[in-house]
Amino acid sequence: MSTATENFVKAIYNNNSHDAHNTKPGNIAKKLGISSAAATDMAKKLAAKDLLNYQKYQELQLTEKGRKMAMNIIRKHRLWEAFLFKMFDMSLHDIHKEAELLEHQTSDLLANKMSEYLGHPKFDPHGDPIPNAHGEITTTDTSFPLSQAAAGNTYIISRLTSDDKEFFEFCAQHKLKYGHEIKVSKQFKNNKMTELSVHNNTILLNEDFTTLIYVNSTK
């Protein structure tokens, strides 16, 4: 399959994972930086190949064949992120950019070899789950946005859900990394801000950040 096809089905899967109503062709077009007309044309072509279901003005839904393709690409992407992070200690932004390119050039054989070399990791450095060779995610996600965390409790950062360079630079600077422990000092509900403590430093974050940082309770 072409890179354009793989990116299209991956975008549908990722958008659907975050918002079931965000998979209309226009929204997928914004995600991929193409026109709405081009997205609609692609949707029709992929529907003919049984990769998705297309109905005018409706959300796009992947078929089982399309879902398997998306999971295969996502697996390769996240394995590359884990590999590049381990081998070269690259930034989270840079490993994402490189994985976007490498995922399309990676055979299933190489993906399996990377997974074996890395010890079959369950999560990538962002905290996103890595599907297994059968396209299955075998972990249970109990995380929730930092914006919903209760004041006075301690949490573990479980996922950073952005691909923005400045976001990752800020997180690295303030030690907001996957697996790190943080304590929520106060939630300013009216102003949609969160005060937290990380390594004895106090940070105040607005909702633009706290909705992108997912946490799990330490209990």
Protein backbone atom coordinates (compact mmCIF):
# COMPACT_ATOMS: atom_id res chain seq x y z
CA MET A 1 0.00 0.00 0.00
CA SER A 2 1.08 3.58 -0.60
CA THR A 3 2.30 5.94 2.11
CA ALA A 4 -0.78 8.11 1.52
CA THR A 5 -3.08 5.15 2.12
CA GLU A 6 -1.27 4.10 5.28
CA ASN A 7 -1.32 7.65 6.66
CA PHE A 8 -5.03 7.96 5.89
CA VAL A 9 -6.11 4.82 7.73
CA LYS A 10 -3.76 5.65 10.62
CA ALA A 11 -5.28 9.13 10.92
CA ILE A 12 -8.78 7.66 11.09
CA TYR A 13 -7.73 5.22 13.80
CA ASN A 14 -5.95 7.87 15.86
CA ASN A 15 -8.75 10.42 15.55
CA ASN A 16 -11.35 7.81 16.43
CA SER A 17 -9.36 6.81 19.50
CA HIS A 18 -9.67 10.34 20.86
CA ASP A 19 -13.06 11.42 19.49
CA ALA A 20 -15.54 9.16 17.70
CA HIS A 21 -17.05 12.18 15.92
CA ASN A 22 -13.74 13.44 14.56
CA THR A 23 -13.36 11.13 11.58
CA LYS A 24 -15.33 12.96 8.92
CA PRO A 25 -13.27 13.57 5.74
CA GLY A 26 -12.87 17.27 6.57
CA ASN A 27 -11.28 16.49 9.94
CA ILE A 28 -9.00 13.87 8.45
CA ALA A 29 -8.01 16.40 5.79
CA LYS A 30 -6.94 18.88 8.50
CA LYS A 31 -4.94 16.16 10.23
CA LEU A 32 -3.07 15.28 7.04
CA GLY A 33 -2.77 18.79 5.58
CA ILE A 34 -4.78 18.02 2.44
CA SER A 35 -7.98 19.44 0.98
CA SER A 36 -11.40 18.15 2.01
CA ALA A 37 -12.04 17.15 -1.61
CA ALA A 38 -8.85 15.09 -1.68
CA ALA A 39 -9.82 13.39 1.58
CA THR A 40 -13.26 12.55 0.24
CA ASP A 41 -11.76 11.10 -2.95
CA MET A 42 -9.31 9.01 -0.91
CA ALA A 43 -12.12 7.78 1.35
CA LYS A 44 -14.11 6.59 -1.65
CA LYS A 45 -11.09 4.78 -3.11
CA LEU A 46 -10.29 3.06 0.18
CA ALA A 47 -13.93 2.10 0.65
CA ALA A 48 -13.71 0.30 -2.71
CA LYS A 49 -10.73 -1.63 -1.30
CA ASP A 50 -12.72 -2.61 1.81
CA LEU A 51 -10.45 -0.57 4.11
CA LEU A 52 -13.19 1.71 5.42
CA ASN A 53 -16.90 2.43 5.31
CA TYR A 54 -17.86 5.66 3.56
CA GLN A 55 -21.20 7.45 3.65
CA LYS A 56 -21.65 11.06 2.62
CA TYR A 57 -21.53 13.52 5.57
CA GLN A 58 -20.84 10.69 8.02
CA GLU A 59 -17.81 9.73 10.10
CA LEU A 60 -15.37 7.36 8.43
CA GLN A 61 -15.12 3.95 10.07
CA LEU A 62 -12.37 1.46 9.38
CA THR A 63 -13.26 -2.09 8.40
CA GLU A 64 -11.46 -4.95 10.12
CA LYS A 65 -9.02 -4.99 7.19
CA GLY A 66 -8.41 -1.25 7.61
CA ARG A 67 -8.03 -1.54 11.37
CA LYS A 68 -5.37 -4.24 10.97
CA MET A 69 -3.47 -2.03 8.54
CA ALA A 70 -3.63 0.93 10.92
CA MET A 71 -2.44 -1.16 13.87
CA ASN A 72 0.44 -2.56 11.83
CA ILE A 73 1.65 0.94 10.92
CA ILE A 74 1.17 2.20 14.48
CA ARG A 75 3.15 -0.79 15.80
CA LYS A 76 6.07 0.02 13.50
CA HIS A 77 5.91 3.71 14.35
CA ARG A 78 6.01 3.12 18.10
CA LEU A 79 8.70 0.47 17.86
CA TRP A 80 10.88 2.91 15.95
CA GLU A 81 10.25 5.54 18.62
CA ALA A 82 11.30 3.10 21.32
CA PHE A 83 14.38 2.05 19.34
CA LEU A 84 15.55 5.60 18.53
CA PHE A 85 14.98 6.74 22.10
CA LYS A 86 16.95 3.80 23.52
CA MET A 87 19.81 3.91 21.04
CA PHE A 88 20.33 7.64 20.56
CA ASP A 89 18.46 9.31 23.46
CA MET A 90 16.71 11.55 20.93
CA SER A 91 14.01 14.00 22.00
CA LEU A 92 10.38 12.88 21.98
CA HIS A 93 9.64 15.31 19.17
CA ASP A 94 12.52 14.07 17.01
CA ILE A 95 11.77 10.38 17.45
CA HIS A 96 8.18 11.05 16.36
CA LYS A 97 9.32 12.87 13.21
CA GLU A 98 11.77 10.12 12.25
CA ALA A 99 9.29 7.34 13.00
CA GLU A 100 6.76 9.02 10.69
CA LEU A 101 9.22 8.39 7.84
CA LEU A 102 10.58 4.99 8.88
CA GLU A 103 7.23 3.32 9.58
CA HIS A 104 6.42 3.11 5.86
CA GLN A 105 9.74 1.49 4.93
CA THR A 106 9.69 -1.21 7.59
CA SER A 107 8.90 -4.84 6.86
CA ASP A 108 7.05 -7.03 9.34
CA LEU A 109 10.27 -9.04 9.72
CA LEU A 110 12.26 -5.97 10.78
CA ALA A 111 9.48 -4.83 13.14
CA ASN A 112 9.52 -8.23 14.84
CA LYS A 113 13.33 -8.11 15.12
CA MET A 114 13.19 -4.65 16.70
CA SER A 115 10.54 -5.76 19.16
CA GLU A 116 12.66 -8.78 20.13
CA TYR A 117 15.77 -6.62 20.52
CA LEU A 118 13.91 -4.15 22.74
CA GLY A 119 12.45 -6.92 24.92
CA HIS A 120 8.95 -6.68 23.43
CA PRO A 121 8.05 -3.32 25.02
CA LYS A 122 4.41 -2.63 25.87
CA PHE A 123 4.72 1.15 25.60
CA ASP A 124 6.68 3.68 23.55
CA PRO A 125 8.58 6.60 25.17
CA HIS A 126 5.44 8.79 25.00
CA GLY A 127 3.53 6.19 27.01
CA ASP A 128 1.40 5.02 24.07
CA PRO A 129 0.74 1.25 23.93
CA ILE A 130 2.58 -0.76 21.28
CA PRO A 131 0.40 -3.33 19.48
CA ASN A 132 1.76 -6.85 19.24
CA ALA A 133 2.49 -8.68 15.99
CA HIS A 134 -1.20 -9.63 15.73
CA GLY A 135 -2.32 -6.00 15.89
CA GLU A 136 -3.59 -6.33 19.44
CA ILE A 137 -3.06 -3.99 22.38
CA THR A 138 -2.70 -6.25 25.40
CA THR A 139 -2.49 -3.54 28.06
CA THR A 140 -5.41 -1.92 29.89
CA ASP A 141 -5.48 1.87 29.83
CA THR A 142 -6.61 3.32 33.18
CA SER A 143 -5.01 6.74 32.68
CA PHE A 144 -6.84 10.06 32.57
CA PRO A 145 -5.93 13.69 31.81
CA LEU A 146 -4.02 15.64 34.44
CA SER A 147 -6.82 18.21 34.30
CA GLN A 148 -9.05 15.63 36.00
CA ALA A 149 -6.60 14.69 38.76
CA ALA A 150 -7.56 15.36 42.38
CA ALA A 151 -5.64 17.93 44.39
CA GLY A 152 -3.45 16.50 47.14
CA ASN A 153 -2.79 13.19 45.38
CA THR A 154 0.37 11.79 43.80
CA TYR A 155 0.35 10.39 40.27
CA ILE A 156 2.61 8.74 37.68
CA ILE A 157 2.80 10.30 34.21
CA SER A 158 1.54 7.61 31.86
CA ARG A 159 1.30 9.37 28.49
CA LEU A 160 2.21 12.59 26.66
CA THR A 161 -0.30 12.94 23.83
CA SER A 162 1.17 15.62 21.59
CA ASP A 163 3.54 15.92 18.66
CA ASP A 164 4.32 19.60 19.25
CA LYS A 165 8.01 20.44 19.63
CA GLU A 166 7.51 23.24 22.18
CA PHE A 167 5.30 21.00 24.30
CA PHE A 168 8.00 18.32 24.51
CA GLU A 169 10.73 20.89 25.15
CA PHE A 170 8.72 22.31 28.05
CA CYS A 171 8.06 18.84 29.45
CA ALA A 172 11.74 17.88 29.23
CA GLN A 173 12.82 21.13 30.89
CA HIS A 174 10.45 20.58 33.81
CA LYS A 175 10.98 16.80 34.11
CA LEU A 176 7.45 15.99 32.99
CA LYS A 177 8.38 12.62 31.49
CA TYR A 178 6.70 9.26 31.06
CA GLY A 179 7.03 7.30 34.29
CA HIS A 180 7.88 10.31 36.48
CA GLU A 181 5.99 10.99 39.69
CA ILE A 182 4.14 14.24 40.26
CA LYS A 183 1.94 15.64 43.04
CA VAL A 184 -1.09 17.78 42.26
CA SER A 185 -1.13 20.63 44.76
CA LYS A 186 -4.27 22.46 43.62
CA GLN A 187 -6.84 22.54 40.83
CA PHE A 188 -8.04 26.01 39.84
CA LYS A 189 -11.34 24.93 38.31
CA ASN A 190 -12.61 28.39 37.37
CA ASN A 191 -9.37 29.33 35.62
CA LYS A 192 -8.73 25.82 34.27
CA MET A 193 -5.23 25.62 35.72
CA THR A 194 -3.34 22.99 37.72
CA GLU A 195 -0.56 23.50 40.24
CA LEU A 196 1.77 20.56 40.70
CA SER A 197 5.06 19.62 42.27
CA VAL A 198 7.77 17.78 40.29
CA HIS A 199 11.14 17.02 41.88
CA ASN A 200 10.52 19.73 44.52
CA ASN A 201 9.69 22.33 41.86
CA THR A 202 6.26 23.95 41.63
CA ILE A 203 4.70 24.33 38.18
CA LEU A 204 1.44 25.98 37.15
CA LEU A 205 -0.08 24.59 33.94
CA ASN A 206 -3.12 25.69 31.96
CA GLU A 207 -5.64 23.33 30.39
CA ASP A 208 -3.83 23.37 27.03
CA PHE A 209 -1.11 21.31 28.76
CA THR A 210 -3.08 19.34 31.36
CA THR A 211 -5.36 17.78 28.73
CA LEU A 212 -2.29 16.42 26.89
CA ILE A 213 -0.62 14.88 29.95
CA TYR A 214 -2.19 11.62 31.15
CA VAL A 215 -1.59 10.15 34.57
CA ASN A 216 -2.29 7.10 36.71
CA SER A 217 -2.78 7.01 40.45
CA THR A 218 0.13 5.64 42.48
CA LYS A 219 -2.32 3.73 44.73
